[in-house]
Amino acid sequence: MTYEEIVALLGYAGGHEQVVRIMTTARTEVVGIPISVDTHVTAHEVYLRPAGSDETEIAISLAAIEKVELA
């Protein structure tokens, strides 16, 4: 996927509280709801909330994302 496609899908999913499945360049799979997508050069990351866990946030560098799909 292109960077633009990744950011667009994460933004859509976050705006509609949809669960996504992210595959990283290290072949790690992460599942959750995007709560923030920061494309600023100093951050360049997405924060996810795992389904069923309101107190946990996972940060992933946008550069480390290979593929995103709605789960």
Protein backbone atom coordinates (compact mmCIF):
# COMPACT_ATOMS: atom_id res chain seq x y z
CA MET A 1 0.00 0.00 0.00
CA THR A 2 1.11 3.55 -0.54
CA TYR A 3 1.66 5.94 2.35
CA GLU A 4 -1.39 7.94 1.24
CA GLU A 5 -3.61 4.83 1.18
CA ILE A 6 -2.42 3.81 4.66
CA VAL A 7 -3.09 7.27 6.14
CA ALA A 8 -6.50 7.51 4.40
CA LEU A 9 -7.68 4.11 5.64
CA LEU A 10 -6.45 4.75 9.18
CA GLY A 11 -8.21 8.14 9.16
CA TYR A 12 -11.44 6.62 7.86
CA ALA A 13 -11.36 3.78 10.39
CA GLY A 14 -10.63 6.13 13.27
CA GLY A 15 -13.45 8.47 12.26
CA HIS A 16 -15.91 5.57 12.19
CA GLU A 17 -14.46 3.61 15.14
CA GLN A 18 -13.71 0.65 12.88
CA VAL A 19 -11.21 -2.04 13.88
CA VAL A 20 -8.19 -2.36 11.60
CA ARG A 21 -5.55 -5.01 11.13
CA ILE A 22 -2.07 -3.58 10.56
CA MET A 23 0.80 -5.60 9.13
CA THR A 24 4.18 -4.05 9.84
CA THR A 25 7.34 -4.31 7.78
CA ALA A 26 8.63 -6.69 10.49
CA ARG A 27 5.62 -9.00 9.76
CA THR A 28 3.97 -8.20 13.09
CA GLU A 29 0.17 -7.99 13.09
CA VAL A 30 -1.56 -5.43 15.30
CA VAL A 31 -5.35 -5.11 15.65
CA GLY A 32 -7.18 -2.14 17.11
CA ILE A 33 -9.14 1.05 16.55
CA PRO A 34 -7.12 4.08 15.39
CA ILE A 35 -7.57 6.92 17.86
CA SER A 36 -5.00 9.31 16.41
CA VAL A 37 -3.05 9.58 13.15
CA ASP A 38 -0.21 12.12 13.31
CA THR A 39 1.52 12.75 9.98
CA HIS A 40 3.70 15.59 11.28
CA VAL A 41 7.40 14.96 10.66
CA THR A 42 8.22 14.98 14.38
CA ALA A 43 5.63 12.31 15.22
CA HIS A 44 4.72 10.31 12.09
CA GLU A 45 2.72 7.65 13.97
CA VAL A 46 -0.68 6.16 14.61
CA TYR A 47 -2.13 5.34 18.02
CA LEU A 48 -4.44 2.33 18.31
CA ARG A 49 -6.76 1.20 21.07
CA PRO A 50 -7.02 -2.58 21.21
CA ALA A 51 -10.62 -3.78 21.04
CA GLY A 52 -12.03 -4.20 24.55
CA SER A 53 -9.29 -2.17 26.26
CA ASP A 54 -10.09 1.48 26.90
CA GLU A 55 -6.94 2.07 28.97
CA THR A 56 -4.31 0.78 26.52
CA GLU A 57 -2.81 2.65 23.56
CA ILE A 58 -0.34 1.25 21.05
CA ALA A 59 1.86 3.60 19.01
CA ILE A 60 3.16 2.47 15.62
CA SER A 61 5.41 4.45 13.30
CA LEU A 62 3.70 5.10 9.97
CA ALA A 63 6.97 4.17 8.25
CA ALA A 64 6.75 0.68 9.80
CA ILE A 65 3.31 -0.07 8.33
CA GLU A 66 3.20 -2.22 5.23
CA LYS A 67 -0.53 -2.88 4.95
CA VAL A 68 -3.80 -1.89 6.65
CA GLU A 69 -7.21 -3.51 6.27
CA LEU A 70 -10.55 -3.21 8.00
CA ALA A 71 -11.00 -6.14 10.36
